[in-house]
Every structure is written in C-alpha cells, then in structure tokens.
C-alpha cells in the first residue's frame, strides 16, 4: 500500500518512507489513507503535506 500511495502522489520526498517502517498494528490506518489516495485524481500541496505528516505519525517509533 505504501508503494502505491507514493506512486499516486508522485512526490520525491516520499523516498524516505518504506513499508518496513510500519507495524501491522497500523494496517487499518494505512488502509484508510490508501483508499482515500486511490479515490482522488489529484492533490493540492497542502493535501500532500497532510498525507505525508499522517504517514510520518504512523511510522514505528
């Protein structure tokens, strides 16, 4: 899911985010983000920032 989100957003600074950075416990949260990203055709810069921040919040500590 992480790779598909990165592909859809086409943002270079997402290279630092890898699937291995997330626990299985975060699956439902990641799935929600994934589904939202896949439904939209385009994203504003503020939406991309919000998605990046949310993914950052879900990363393993």
Protein backbone atom coordinates (compact mmCIF):
# COMPACT_ATOMS: atom_id res chain seq x y z
CA UNK A 1 0.00 0.00 0.00
CA UNK A 2 2.82 2.39 0.84
CA UNK A 3 4.37 1.98 -2.61
CA UNK A 4 1.02 2.62 -4.33
CA UNK A 5 0.47 5.76 -2.24
CA UNK A 6 3.92 7.02 -3.20
CA UNK A 7 3.28 6.26 -6.89
CA UNK A 8 -0.06 8.03 -6.90
CA UNK A 9 1.27 11.14 -5.17
CA UNK A 10 4.46 11.27 -7.27
CA UNK A 11 6.36 13.11 -4.56
CA UNK A 12 10.13 12.78 -4.33
CA UNK A 13 10.47 13.24 -0.57
CA UNK A 14 8.41 10.08 -0.02
CA UNK A 15 11.55 8.04 -0.79
CA UNK A 16 12.33 8.02 2.91
CA UNK A 17 9.07 6.20 3.65
CA UNK A 18 9.27 2.44 3.28
CA UNK A 19 6.79 -0.32 4.03
CA UNK A 20 9.16 -1.70 6.65
CA UNK A 21 8.68 1.49 8.68
CA UNK A 22 5.16 0.45 9.64
CA UNK A 23 3.81 -2.10 12.10
CA UNK A 24 0.96 -4.46 11.30
CA UNK A 25 -0.91 -2.67 14.08
CA UNK A 26 -1.16 0.35 11.78
CA UNK A 27 -2.78 -1.61 8.95
CA UNK A 28 -6.26 -0.12 9.34
CA UNK A 29 -4.94 3.44 9.43
CA UNK A 30 -2.74 2.81 6.40
CA UNK A 31 -5.64 1.22 4.56
CA UNK A 32 -7.80 4.30 5.17
CA UNK A 33 -5.09 6.58 3.78
CA UNK A 34 -4.56 4.23 0.84
CA UNK A 35 -8.27 4.15 -0.03
CA UNK A 36 -8.56 7.92 0.17
CA UNK A 37 -5.49 8.44 -2.02
CA UNK A 38 -6.66 5.94 -4.64
CA UNK A 39 -10.08 7.63 -4.95
CA UNK A 40 -8.70 11.08 -5.79
CA UNK A 41 -7.30 12.13 -9.16
CA UNK A 42 -5.14 14.99 -7.91
CA UNK A 43 -3.93 16.53 -4.68
CA UNK A 44 -3.18 20.05 -3.56
CA UNK A 45 0.20 20.74 -1.96
CA UNK A 46 -1.50 21.04 1.43
CA UNK A 47 -3.22 17.66 0.96
CA UNK A 48 0.09 16.03 0.05
CA UNK A 49 1.69 17.61 3.13
CA UNK A 50 -1.12 16.33 5.34
CA UNK A 51 -0.77 12.80 3.93
CA UNK A 52 3.00 12.88 4.45
CA UNK A 53 2.53 14.06 8.03
CA UNK A 54 -0.04 11.36 8.75
CA UNK A 55 2.24 8.66 7.33
CA UNK A 56 5.04 10.06 9.45
CA UNK A 57 2.82 9.82 12.54
CA UNK A 58 2.09 6.16 11.79
CA UNK A 59 5.75 5.14 11.45
CA UNK A 60 7.33 2.82 14.00
CA UNK A 61 8.85 4.72 16.89
